[in-house]
Structures are given as C-alpha cells and as structure tokens.
Amino acid sequence: MNNENTPLSGQATPEQIEAWKVLHGEIFAITVEDKIGYLKKVDRKTLSFASSIGTKDPMKFNEIILTNCWLGGDDELKTNDDYFLAVSGTLSQLIVVKEAELVKL
C-alpha cells in the first residue's frame, strides 16, 4: 500500500503531467502496488497494428498498446511479468469509443 506522503516509483511531476496533456490531450495513470506509469489514449494506427498482431498472439496486443501509449513512469510495469499482467487487464480502458447513431434517410 502506498502512503499518501510516499511518492510512487516512477511518479511524474505535476509539470510533466501538464506537458503531456498539452501534447497528447487526455492522459492516464496506472498504478500497481507502489509503481506508477503514464499512458496516452490509443490512436487508430496503434490499434490497427496491435489488432493485426493480436489475432495470433493476444499477449503481443497488450505489449504493443502499452509500448506505443507509454509516456513515462516505472519501466518495471512493462518489463516485469507480474506487473505487466496486472497492467494488461486495464489496457482496454484506453480504447475510448464514442457512441454513433445511424439513421436511414
């Protein structure tokens, strides 16, 4: 458990977070135990590539999404299998789909 006064491993400064927001719009923080990583939303090109590879290797799908959306944080979230598997369970939340309505005219 993280005490509020203890920074997480990989924690970015508020200034860095604001800089990422300027560059990428929405950003997300993902924490596992005492580690934190920062991610941007998935773009169409990354999702397309990950989906094409993911049909043969579903774990590779997660690796591609994580690698291409990674902004910073504790690299152990990407390299340690225990942390990677924990992170993998949340990556689908980076894929934000708006609702559309189709009306026949």
PDB file of N, CA and C in Angstrom:
ATOM      1  N   MET A   1       0.833  -1.183   0.000  1.00  0.00           N
ATOM      2  CA  MET A   1       0.000   0.000   0.000  1.00  0.00           C
ATOM      3  C   MET A   1       0.875   1.243   0.000  1.00  0.00           C
ATOM      4  N   ASN A   2       0.415   2.245  -0.679  1.00  0.00           N
ATOM      5  CA  ASN A   2       1.164   3.483  -0.757  1.00  0.00           C
ATOM      6  C   ASN A   2       0.619   4.482   0.252  1.00  0.00           C
ATOM      7  N   ASN A   3       1.503   5.020   1.069  1.00  0.00           N
ATOM      8  CA  ASN A   3       1.146   6.105   1.964  1.00  0.00           C
ATOM      9  C   ASN A   3       1.064   7.363   1.112  1.00  0.00           C
ATOM     10  N   GLU A   4       0.088   8.242   1.360  1.00  0.00           N
ATOM     11  CA  GLU A   4      -0.082   9.444   0.544  1.00  0.00           C
ATOM     12  C   GLU A   4       1.171  10.309   0.516  1.00  0.00           C
ATOM     13  N   ASN A   5       2.009  10.248   1.532  1.00  0.00           N
ATOM     14  CA  ASN A   5       3.215  11.063   1.589  1.00  0.00           C
ATOM     15  C   ASN A   5       4.395  10.415   0.874  1.00  0.00           C
ATOM     16  N   THR A   6       4.274   9.145   0.518  1.00  0.00           N
ATOM     17  CA  THR A   6       5.358   8.431  -0.136  1.00  0.00           C
ATOM     18  C   THR A   6       5.108   8.450  -1.641  1.00  0.00           C
ATOM     19  N   PRO A   7       6.036   9.037  -2.409  1.00  0.00           N
ATOM     20  CA  PRO A   7       5.827   9.045  -3.866  1.00  0.00           C
ATOM     21  C   PRO A   7       5.925   7.633  -4.436  1.00  0.00           C
ATOM     22  N   LEU A   8       5.169   7.390  -5.478  1.00  0.00           N
ATOM     23  CA  LEU A   8       5.215   6.108  -6.166  1.00  0.00           C
ATOM     24  C   LEU A   8       6.456   6.049  -7.036  1.00  0.00           C
ATOM     25  N   SER A   9       6.984   4.868  -7.217  1.00  0.00           N
ATOM     26  CA  SER A   9       8.137   4.702  -8.095  1.00  0.00           C
ATOM     27  C   SER A   9       7.717   5.043  -9.527  1.00  0.00           C
ATOM     28  N   GLY A  10       8.403   6.002 -10.132  1.00  0.00           N
ATOM     29  CA  GLY A  10       8.077   6.435 -11.489  1.00  0.00           C
ATOM     30  C   GLY A  10       7.158   7.640 -11.535  1.00  0.00           C
ATOM     31  N   GLN A  11       6.802   8.170 -10.376  1.00  0.00           N
ATOM     32  CA  GLN A  11       5.842   9.273 -10.322  1.00  0.00           C
ATOM     33  C   GLN A  11       6.383  10.516 -11.022  1.00  0.00           C
ATOM     34  N   ALA A  12       5.570  11.105 -11.880  1.00  0.00           N
ATOM     35  CA  ALA A  12       5.931  12.307 -12.622  1.00  0.00           C
ATOM     36  C   ALA A  12       5.573  13.545 -11.803  1.00  0.00           C
ATOM     37  N   THR A  13       6.209  14.629 -12.148  1.00  0.00           N
ATOM     38  CA  THR A  13       5.890  15.906 -11.503  1.00  0.00           C
ATOM     39  C   THR A  13       4.594  16.456 -12.096  1.00  0.00           C
ATOM     40  N   PRO A  14       3.910  17.314 -11.360  1.00  0.00           N
ATOM     41  CA  PRO A  14       2.708  17.946 -11.926  1.00  0.00           C
ATOM     42  C   PRO A  14       3.015  18.696 -13.232  1.00  0.00           C
ATOM     43  N   GLU A  15       4.204  19.276 -13.315  1.00  0.00           N
ATOM     44  CA  GLU A  15       4.586  19.996 -14.530  1.00  0.00           C
ATOM     45  C   GLU A  15       4.717  19.046 -15.726  1.00  0.00           C
ATOM     46  N   GLN A  16       5.298  17.858 -15.489  1.00  0.00           N
ATOM     47  CA  GLN A  16       5.431  16.881 -16.569  1.00  0.00           C
ATOM     48  C   GLN A  16       4.064  16.391 -17.020  1.00  0.00           C
ATOM     49  N   ILE A  17       3.183  16.167 -16.071  1.00  0.00           N
ATOM     50  CA  ILE A  17       1.831  15.717 -16.406  1.00  0.00           C
ATOM     51  C   ILE A  17       1.124  16.763 -17.262  1.00  0.00           C
ATOM     52  N   GLU A  18       1.243  18.020 -16.909  1.00  0.00           N
ATOM     53  CA  GLU A  18       0.626  19.098 -17.695  1.00  0.00           C
ATOM     54  C   GLU A  18       1.231  19.164 -19.093  1.00  0.00           C
ATOM     55  N   ALA A  19       2.541  18.984 -19.200  1.00  0.00           N
ATOM     56  CA  ALA A  19       3.199  18.990 -20.513  1.00  0.00           C
ATOM     57  C   ALA A  19       2.672  17.851 -21.385  1.00  0.00           C
ATOM     58  N   TRP A  20       2.483  16.666 -20.808  1.00  0.00           N
ATOM     59  CA  TRP A  20       1.921  15.544 -21.559  1.00  0.00           C
ATOM     60  C   TRP A  20       0.503  15.851 -22.013  1.00  0.00           C
ATOM     61  N   LYS A  21      -0.282  16.485 -21.154  1.00  0.00           N
ATOM     62  CA  LYS A  21      -1.655  16.835 -21.521  1.00  0.00           C
ATOM     63  C   LYS A  21      -1.678  17.784 -22.704  1.00  0.00           C
ATOM     64  N   VAL A  22      -0.751  18.733 -22.732  1.00  0.00           N
ATOM     65  CA  VAL A  22      -0.674  19.674 -23.850  1.00  0.00           C
ATOM     66  C   VAL A  22      -0.356  18.921 -25.150  1.00  0.00           C
ATOM     67  N   LEU A  23       0.567  17.965 -25.076  1.00  0.00           N
ATOM     68  CA  LEU A  23       0.974  17.210 -26.262  1.00  0.00           C
ATOM     69  C   LEU A  23      -0.040  16.169 -26.713  1.00  0.00           C
ATOM     70  N   HIS A  24      -0.682  15.496 -25.759  1.00  0.00           N
ATOM     71  CA  HIS A  24      -1.478  14.315 -26.087  1.00  0.00           C
ATOM     72  C   HIS A  24      -2.955  14.411 -25.721  1.00  0.00           C
ATOM     73  N   GLY A  25      -3.381  15.496 -25.107  1.00  0.00           N
ATOM     74  CA  GLY A  25      -4.771  15.564 -24.648  1.00  0.00           C
ATOM     75  C   GLY A  25      -4.925  14.774 -23.364  1.00  0.00           C
ATOM     76  N   GLU A  26      -5.877  13.871 -23.367  1.00  0.00           N
ATOM     77  CA  GLU A  26      -6.091  13.054 -22.167  1.00  0.00           C
ATOM     78  C   GLU A  26      -4.908  12.133 -21.922  1.00  0.00           C
ATOM     79  N   ILE A  27      -4.509  12.030 -20.659  1.00  0.00           N
ATOM     80  CA  ILE A  27      -3.520  11.038 -20.271  1.00  0.00           C
ATOM     81  C   ILE A  27      -4.068  10.271 -19.078  1.00  0.00           C
ATOM     82  N   PHE A  28      -3.480   9.113 -18.849  1.00  0.00           N
ATOM     83  CA  PHE A  28      -3.965   8.223 -17.804  1.00  0.00           C
ATOM     84  C   PHE A  28      -2.798   7.746 -16.947  1.00  0.00           C
ATOM     85  N   ALA A  29      -3.075   7.538 -15.677  1.00  0.00           N
ATOM     86  CA  ALA A  29      -2.087   6.974 -14.759  1.00  0.00           C
ATOM     87  C   ALA A  29      -2.551   5.573 -14.394  1.00  0.00           C
ATOM     88  N   ILE A  30      -1.615   4.653 -14.371  1.00  0.00           N
ATOM     89  CA  ILE A  30      -1.915   3.280 -13.975  1.00  0.00           C
ATOM     90  C   ILE A  30      -0.968   2.915 -12.852  1.00  0.00           C
ATOM     91  N   THR A  31      -1.524   2.395 -11.765  1.00  0.00           N
ATOM     92  CA  THR A  31      -0.703   2.036 -10.613  1.00  0.00           C
ATOM     93  C   THR A  31      -0.849   0.546 -10.308  1.00  0.00           C
ATOM     94  N   VAL A  32       0.261  -0.032  -9.934  1.00  0.00           N
ATOM     95  CA  VAL A  32       0.301  -1.404  -9.431  1.00  0.00           C
ATOM     96  C   VAL A  32       1.210  -1.355  -8.215  1.00  0.00           C
ATOM     97  N   GLU A  33       0.629  -1.658  -7.070  1.00  0.00           N
ATOM     98  CA  GLU A  33       1.350  -1.591  -5.794  1.00  0.00           C
ATOM     99  C   GLU A  33       1.987  -0.219  -5.633  1.00  0.00           C
ATOM    100  N   ASP A  34       3.324  -0.147  -5.583  1.00  0.00           N
ATOM    101  CA  ASP A  34       3.990   1.134  -5.339  1.00  0.00           C
ATOM    102  C   ASP A  34       4.579   1.739  -6.609  1.00  0.00           C
ATOM    103  N   LYS A  35       4.103   1.289  -7.783  1.00  0.00           N
ATOM    104  CA  LYS A  35       4.637   1.756  -9.063  1.00  0.00           C
ATOM    105  C   LYS A  35       3.542   2.452  -9.866  1.00  0.00           C
ATOM    106  N   ILE A  36       3.952   3.434 -10.672  1.00  0.00           N
ATOM    107  CA  ILE A  36       3.005   4.162 -11.495  1.00  0.00           C
ATOM    108  C   ILE A  36       3.577   4.356 -12.889  1.00  0.00           C
ATOM    109  N   GLY A  37       2.689   4.324 -13.864  1.00  0.00           N
ATOM    110  CA  GLY A  37       3.052   4.602 -15.251  1.00  0.00           C
ATOM    111  C   GLY A  37       2.017   5.533 -15.845  1.00  0.00           C
ATOM    112  N   TYR A  38       2.399   6.223 -16.907  1.00  0.00           N
ATOM    113  CA  TYR A  38       1.523   7.201 -17.552  1.00  0.00           C
ATOM    114  C   TYR A  38       1.349   6.832 -19.013  1.00  0.00           C
ATOM    115  N   LEU A  39       0.101   6.905 -19.466  1.00  0.00           N
ATOM    116  CA  LEU A  39      -0.243   6.478 -20.813  1.00  0.00           C
ATOM    117  C   LEU A  39      -1.119   7.512 -21.497  1.00  0.00           C
ATOM    118  N   LYS A  40      -1.019   7.561 -22.823  1.00  0.00           N
ATOM    119  CA  LYS A  40      -1.925   8.380 -23.617  1.00  0.00           C
ATOM    120  C   LYS A  40      -2.977   7.464 -24.229  1.00  0.00           C
ATOM    121  N   LYS A  41      -4.013   8.065 -24.801  1.00  0.00           N
ATOM    122  CA  LYS A  41      -5.050   7.290 -25.481  1.00  0.00           C
ATOM    123  C   LYS A  41      -4.463   6.566 -26.681  1.00  0.00           C
ATOM    124  N   VAL A  42      -5.065   5.450 -27.016  1.00  0.00           N
ATOM    125  CA  VAL A  42      -4.650   4.670 -28.183  1.00  0.00           C
ATOM    126  C   VAL A  42      -5.102   5.403 -29.448  1.00  0.00           C
ATOM    127  N   ASP A  43      -4.194   5.505 -30.425  1.00  0.00           N
ATOM    128  CA  ASP A  43      -4.593   6.078 -31.705  1.00  0.00           C
ATOM    129  C   ASP A  43      -4.960   4.953 -32.678  1.00  0.00           C
ATOM    130  N   ARG A  44      -5.543   5.326 -33.797  1.00  0.00           N
ATOM    131  CA  ARG A  44      -6.041   4.345 -34.766  1.00  0.00           C
ATOM    132  C   ARG A  44      -4.920   3.481 -35.336  1.00  0.00           C
ATOM    133  N   LYS A  45      -3.789   4.088 -35.637  1.00  0.00           N
ATOM    134  CA  LYS A  45      -2.654   3.356 -36.220  1.00  0.00           C
ATOM    135  C   LYS A  45      -2.154   2.279 -35.248  1.00  0.00           C
ATOM    136  N   THR A  46      -2.005   2.636 -33.977  1.00  0.00           N
ATOM    137  CA  THR A  46      -1.543   1.679 -32.965  1.00  0.00           C
ATOM    138  C   THR A  46      -2.558   0.563 -32.780  1.00  0.00           C
ATOM    139  N   LEU A  47      -3.830   0.927 -32.708  1.00  0.00           N
ATOM    140  CA  LEU A  47      -4.879  -0.076 -32.517  1.00  0.00           C
ATOM    141  C   LEU A  47      -4.940  -1.042 -33.701  1.00  0.00           C
ATOM    142  N   SER A  48      -4.787  -0.525 -34.897  1.00  0.00           N
ATOM    143  CA  SER A  48      -4.804  -1.374 -36.085  1.00  0.00           C
ATOM    144  C   SER A  48      -3.641  -2.364 -36.063  1.00  0.00           C
ATOM    145  N   PHE A  49      -2.448  -1.864 -35.771  1.00  0.00           N
ATOM    146  CA  PHE A  49      -1.266  -2.728 -35.730  1.00  0.00           C
ATOM    147  C   PHE A  49      -1.405  -3.781 -34.635  1.00  0.00           C
ATOM    148  N   ALA A  50      -1.812  -3.349 -33.442  1.00  0.00           N
ATOM    149  CA  ALA A  50      -1.955  -4.277 -32.320  1.00  0.00           C
ATOM    150  C   ALA A  50      -3.015  -5.333 -32.616  1.00  0.00           C
ATOM    151  N   SER A  51      -4.094  -4.932 -33.250  1.00  0.00           N
ATOM    152  CA  SER A  51      -5.172  -5.874 -33.566  1.00  0.00           C
ATOM    153  C   SER A  51      -4.723  -6.914 -34.579  1.00  0.00           C
ATOM    154  N   SER A  52      -3.944  -6.484 -35.575  1.00  0.00           N
ATOM    155  CA  SER A  52      -3.499  -7.440 -36.588  1.00  0.00           C
ATOM    156  C   SER A  52      -2.532  -8.462 -35.990  1.00  0.00           C
ATOM    157  N   ILE A  53      -1.672  -8.043 -35.097  1.00  0.00           N
ATOM    158  CA  ILE A  53      -0.729  -8.951 -34.444  1.00  0.00           C
ATOM    159  C   ILE A  53      -1.445  -9.784 -33.381  1.00  0.00           C
ATOM    160  N   GLY A  54      -2.404  -9.161 -32.706  1.00  0.00           N
ATOM    161  CA  GLY A  54      -3.106  -9.809 -31.600  1.00  0.00           C
ATOM    162  C   GLY A  54      -3.938 -11.000 -31.987  1.00  0.00           C
ATOM    163  N   THR A  55      -4.274 -11.153 -33.262  1.00  0.00           N
ATOM    164  CA  THR A  55      -5.050 -12.323 -33.674  1.00  0.00           C
ATOM    165  C   THR A  55      -4.246 -13.608 -33.506  1.00  0.00           C
ATOM    166  N   LYS A  56      -2.920 -13.495 -33.646  1.00  0.00           N
ATOM    167  CA  LYS A  56      -2.062 -14.671 -33.487  1.00  0.00           C
ATOM    168  C   LYS A  56      -1.434 -14.747 -32.097  1.00  0.00           C
ATOM    169  N   ASP A  57      -1.274 -13.604 -31.454  1.00  0.00           N
ATOM    170  CA  ASP A  57      -0.602 -13.552 -30.160  1.00  0.00           C
ATOM    171  C   ASP A  57      -1.269 -12.487 -29.291  1.00  0.00           C
ATOM    172  N   PRO A  58      -2.309 -12.865 -28.534  1.00  0.00           N
ATOM    173  CA  PRO A  58      -3.050 -11.881 -27.740  1.00  0.00           C
ATOM    174  C   PRO A  58      -2.182 -11.105 -26.747  1.00  0.00           C
ATOM    175  N   MET A  59      -1.156 -11.716 -26.209  1.00  0.00           N
ATOM    176  CA  MET A  59      -0.285 -11.005 -25.260  1.00  0.00           C
ATOM    177  C   MET A  59       0.506  -9.921 -25.967  1.00  0.00           C
ATOM    178  N   LYS A  60       0.856 -10.154 -27.226  1.00  0.00           N
ATOM    179  CA  LYS A  60       1.584  -9.162 -28.013  1.00  0.00           C
ATOM    180  C   LYS A  60       0.710  -7.925 -28.232  1.00  0.00           C
ATOM    181  N   PHE A  61      -0.609  -8.124 -28.344  1.00  0.00           N
ATOM    182  CA  PHE A  61      -1.537  -6.996 -28.451  1.00  0.00           C
ATOM    183  C   PHE A  61      -1.313  -6.034 -27.288  1.00  0.00           C
ATOM    184  N   ASN A  62      -1.278  -6.589 -26.071  1.00  0.00           N
ATOM    185  CA  ASN A  62      -1.073  -5.757 -24.878  1.00  0.00           C
ATOM    186  C   ASN A  62       0.294  -5.081 -24.891  1.00  0.00           C
ATOM    187  N   GLU A  63       1.315  -5.799 -25.319  1.00  0.00           N
ATOM    188  CA  GLU A  63       2.661  -5.219 -25.381  1.00  0.00           C
ATOM    189  C   GLU A  63       2.704  -4.028 -26.334  1.00  0.00           C
ATOM    190  N   ILE A  64       2.072  -4.167 -27.493  1.00  0.00           N
ATOM    191  CA  ILE A  64       2.076  -3.089 -28.485  1.00  0.00           C
ATOM    192  C   ILE A  64       1.324  -1.874 -27.957  1.00  0.00           C
ATOM    193  N   ILE A  65       0.159  -2.091 -27.365  1.00  0.00           N
ATOM    194  CA  ILE A  65      -0.616  -0.975 -26.809  1.00  0.00           C
ATOM    195  C   ILE A  65       0.193  -0.287 -25.713  1.00  0.00           C
ATOM    196  N   LEU A  66       0.744  -1.054 -24.801  1.00  0.00           N
ATOM    197  CA  LEU A  66       1.499  -0.467 -23.687  1.00  0.00           C
ATOM    198  C   LEU A  66       2.720   0.295 -24.191  1.00  0.00           C
ATOM    199  N   THR A  67       3.474  -0.290 -25.092  1.00  0.00           N
ATOM    200  CA  THR A  67       4.686   0.351 -25.603  1.00  0.00           C
ATOM    201  C   THR A  67       4.370   1.644 -26.342  1.00  0.00           C
ATOM    202  N   ASN A  68       3.339   1.625 -27.180  1.00  0.00           N
ATOM    203  CA  ASN A  68       3.039   2.795 -28.003  1.00  0.00           C
ATOM    204  C   ASN A  68       2.280   3.888 -27.268  1.00  0.00           C
ATOM    205  N   CYS A  69       1.659   3.573 -26.153  1.00  0.00           N
ATOM    206  CA  CYS A  69       0.924   4.580 -25.380  1.00  0.00           C
ATOM    207  C   CYS A  69       1.719   5.067 -24.170  1.00  0.00           C
ATOM    208  N   TRP A  70       2.838   4.443 -23.888  1.00  0.00           N
ATOM    209  CA  TRP A  70       3.655   4.749 -22.712  1.00  0.00           C
ATOM    210  C   TRP A  70       4.259   6.144 -22.817  1.00  0.00           C
ATOM    211  N   LEU A  71       4.065   6.948 -21.782  1.00  0.00           N
ATOM    212  CA  LEU A  71       4.666   8.272 -21.711  1.00  0.00           C
ATOM    213  C   LEU A  71       5.811   8.314 -20.712  1.00  0.00           C
ATOM    214  N   GLY A  72       5.688   7.573 -19.630  1.00  0.00           N
ATOM    215  CA  GLY A  72       6.728   7.565 -18.613  1.00  0.00           C
ATOM    216  C   GLY A  72       6.257   6.828 -17.381  1.00  0.00           C
ATOM    217  N   GLY A  73       7.158   6.729 -16.411  1.00  0.00           N
ATOM    218  CA  GLY A  73       6.834   6.035 -15.177  1.00  0.00           C
ATOM    219  C   GLY A  73       7.868   4.961 -14.899  1.00  0.00           C
ATOM    220  N   ASP A  74       7.511   4.037 -14.046  1.00  0.00           N
ATOM    221  CA  ASP A  74       8.402   2.949 -13.665  1.00  0.00           C
ATOM    222  C   ASP A  74       8.385   1.881 -14.761  1.00  0.00           C
ATOM    223  N   ASP A  75       9.514   1.706 -15.431  1.00  0.00           N
ATOM    224  CA  ASP A  75       9.609   0.745 -16.538  1.00  0.00           C
ATOM    225  C   ASP A  75       9.332  -0.688 -16.121  1.00  0.00           C
ATOM    226  N   GLU A  76       9.399  -0.970 -14.832  1.00  0.00           N
ATOM    227  CA  GLU A  76       9.133  -2.335 -14.375  1.00  0.00           C
ATOM    228  C   GLU A  76       7.686  -2.744 -14.689  1.00  0.00           C
ATOM    229  N   LEU A  77       6.790  -1.777 -14.850  1.00  0.00           N
ATOM    230  CA  LEU A  77       5.420  -2.096 -15.247  1.00  0.00           C
ATOM    231  C   LEU A  77       5.397  -2.737 -16.630  1.00  0.00           C
ATOM    232  N   LYS A  78       6.397  -2.438 -17.446  1.00  0.00           N
ATOM    233  CA  LYS A  78       6.483  -3.009 -18.793  1.00  0.00           C
ATOM    234  C   LYS A  78       7.359  -4.249 -18.843  1.00  0.00           C
ATOM    235  N   THR A  79       8.333  -4.370 -17.961  1.00  0.00           N
ATOM    236  CA  THR A  79       9.336  -5.420 -18.090  1.00  0.00           C
ATOM    237  C   THR A  79       9.152  -6.609 -17.147  1.00  0.00           C
ATOM    238  N   ASN A  80       8.531  -6.395 -15.998  1.00  0.00           N
ATOM    239  CA  ASN A  80       8.327  -7.461 -15.024  1.00  0.00           C
ATOM    240  C   ASN A  80       6.984  -8.131 -15.328  1.00  0.00           C
ATOM    241  N   ASP A  81       6.987  -9.434 -15.532  1.00  0.00           N
ATOM    242  CA  ASP A  81       5.774 -10.147 -15.927  1.00  0.00           C
ATOM    243  C   ASP A  81       4.617  -9.951 -14.951  1.00  0.00           C
ATOM    244  N   ASP A  82       4.890  -9.955 -13.660  1.00  0.00           N
ATOM    245  CA  ASP A  82       3.816  -9.790 -12.677  1.00  0.00           C
ATOM    246  C   ASP A  82       3.125  -8.439 -12.835  1.00  0.00           C
ATOM    247  N   TYR A  83       3.919  -7.401 -12.991  1.00  0.00           N
ATOM    248  CA  TYR A  83       3.349  -6.060 -13.173  1.00  0.00           C
ATOM    249  C   TYR A  83       2.689  -5.934 -14.545  1.00  0.00           C
ATOM    250  N   PHE A  84       3.342  -6.474 -15.567  1.00  0.00           N
ATOM    251  CA  PHE A  84       2.795  -6.400 -16.919  1.00  0.00           C
ATOM    252  C   PHE A  84       1.421  -7.058 -16.990  1.00  0.00           C
ATOM    253  N   LEU A  85       1.271  -8.220 -16.366  1.00  0.00           N
ATOM    254  CA  LEU A  85      -0.020  -8.910 -16.390  1.00  0.00           C
ATOM    255  C   LEU A  85      -1.090  -8.106 -15.665  1.00  0.00           C
ATOM    256  N   ALA A  86      -0.713  -7.437 -14.587  1.00  0.00           N
ATOM    257  CA  ALA A  86      -1.670  -6.581 -13.881  1.00  0.00           C
ATOM    258  C   ALA A  86      -2.097  -5.410 -14.760  1.00  0.00           C
ATOM    259  N   VAL A  87      -1.133  -4.796 -15.423  1.00  0.00           N
ATOM    260  CA  VAL A  87      -1.413  -3.666 -16.307  1.00  0.00           C
ATOM    261  C   VAL A  87      -2.266  -4.116 -17.494  1.00  0.00           C
ATOM    262  N   SER A  88      -1.982  -5.291 -18.030  1.00  0.00           N
ATOM    263  CA  SER A  88      -2.685  -5.798 -19.212  1.00  0.00           C
ATOM    264  C   SER A  88      -4.196  -5.835 -19.015  1.00  0.00           C
ATOM    265  N   GLY A  89      -4.623  -6.108 -17.804  1.00  0.00           N
ATOM    266  CA  GLY A  89      -6.052  -6.186 -17.523  1.00  0.00           C
ATOM    267  C   GLY A  89      -6.781  -4.857 -17.624  1.00  0.00           C
ATOM    268  N   THR A  90      -6.044  -3.759 -17.691  1.00  0.00           N
ATOM    269  CA  THR A  90      -6.685  -2.447 -17.742  1.00  0.00           C
ATOM    270  C   THR A  90      -6.507  -1.726 -19.073  1.00  0.00           C
ATOM    271  N   LEU A  91      -5.679  -2.251 -19.956  1.00  0.00           N
ATOM    272  CA  LEU A  91      -5.346  -1.541 -21.193  1.00  0.00           C
ATOM    273  C   LEU A  91      -6.543  -1.295 -22.100  1.00  0.00           C
ATOM    274  N   SER A  92      -7.537  -2.158 -22.051  1.00  0.00           N
ATOM    275  CA  SER A  92      -8.713  -1.962 -22.912  1.00  0.00           C
ATOM    276  C   SER A  92      -9.439  -0.654 -22.576  1.00  0.00           C
ATOM    277  N   GLN A  93      -9.232  -0.138 -21.368  1.00  0.00           N
ATOM    278  CA  GLN A  93      -9.870   1.123 -20.984  1.00  0.00           C
ATOM    279  C   GLN A  93      -9.277   2.321 -21.723  1.00  0.00           C
ATOM    280  N   LEU A  94      -8.103   2.142 -22.355  1.00  0.00           N
ATOM    281  CA  LEU A  94      -7.507   3.221 -23.148  1.00  0.00           C
ATOM    282  C   LEU A  94      -8.216   3.401 -24.481  1.00  0.00           C
ATOM    283  N   ILE A  95      -8.971   2.396 -24.882  1.00  0.00           N
ATOM    284  CA  ILE A  95      -9.688   2.451 -26.158  1.00  0.00           C
ATOM    285  C   ILE A  95     -11.062   3.064 -25.884  1.00  0.00           C
ATOM    286  N   VAL A  96     -11.173   4.342 -26.164  1.00  0.00           N
ATOM    287  CA  VAL A  96     -12.395   5.089 -25.876  1.00  0.00           C
ATOM    288  C   VAL A  96     -13.192   5.195 -27.171  1.00  0.00           C
ATOM    289  N   VAL A  97     -14.404   4.662 -27.147  1.00  0.00           N
ATOM    290  CA  VAL A  97     -15.256   4.675 -28.333  1.00  0.00           C
ATOM    291  C   VAL A  97     -16.477   5.532 -28.034  1.00  0.00           C
ATOM    292  N   LYS A  98     -16.669   6.546 -28.858  1.00  0.00           N
ATOM    293  CA  LYS A  98     -17.856   7.393 -28.727  1.00  0.00           C
ATOM    294  C   LYS A  98     -19.042   6.670 -29.344  1.00  0.00           C
ATOM    295  N   GLU A  99     -20.227   7.037 -28.910  1.00  0.00           N
ATOM    296  CA  GLU A  99     -21.423   6.433 -29.477  1.00  0.00           C
ATOM    297  C   GLU A  99     -21.807   7.179 -30.746  1.00  0.00           C
ATOM    298  N   ALA A 100     -22.233   6.413 -31.726  1.00  0.00           N
ATOM    299  CA  ALA A 100     -22.680   6.986 -33.002  1.00  0.00           C
ATOM    300  C   ALA A 100     -24.105   6.502 -33.266  1.00  0.00           C
ATOM    301  N   GLU A 101     -24.804   7.283 -34.059  1.00  0.00           N
ATOM    302  CA  GLU A 101     -26.173   6.899 -34.420  1.00  0.00           C
ATOM    303  C   GLU A 101     -26.289   6.924 -35.930  1.00  0.00           C
ATOM    304  N   LEU A 102     -26.821   5.857 -36.484  1.00  0.00           N
ATOM    305  CA  LEU A 102     -27.039   5.758 -37.914  1.00  0.00           C
ATOM    306  C   LEU A 102     -28.546   5.842 -38.169  1.00  0.00           C
ATOM    307  N   VAL A 103     -28.934   6.766 -39.028  1.00  0.00           N
ATOM    308  CA  VAL A 103     -30.344   6.980 -39.320  1.00  0.00           C
ATOM    309  C   VAL A 103     -30.539   6.858 -40.829  1.00  0.00           C
ATOM    310  N   LYS A 104     -31.484   6.019 -41.237  1.00  0.00           N
ATOM    311  CA  LYS A 104     -31.798   5.885 -42.646  1.00  0.00           C
ATOM    312  C   LYS A 104     -32.610   7.100 -43.070  1.00  0.00           C
ATOM    313  N   LEU A 105     -32.208   7.700 -44.166  1.00  0.00           N
ATOM    314  CA  LEU A 105     -32.914   8.887 -44.665  1.00  0.00           C
ATOM    315  C   LEU A 105     -33.769   8.551 -45.857  1.00  0.00           C
TER     316      LEU A 105
END
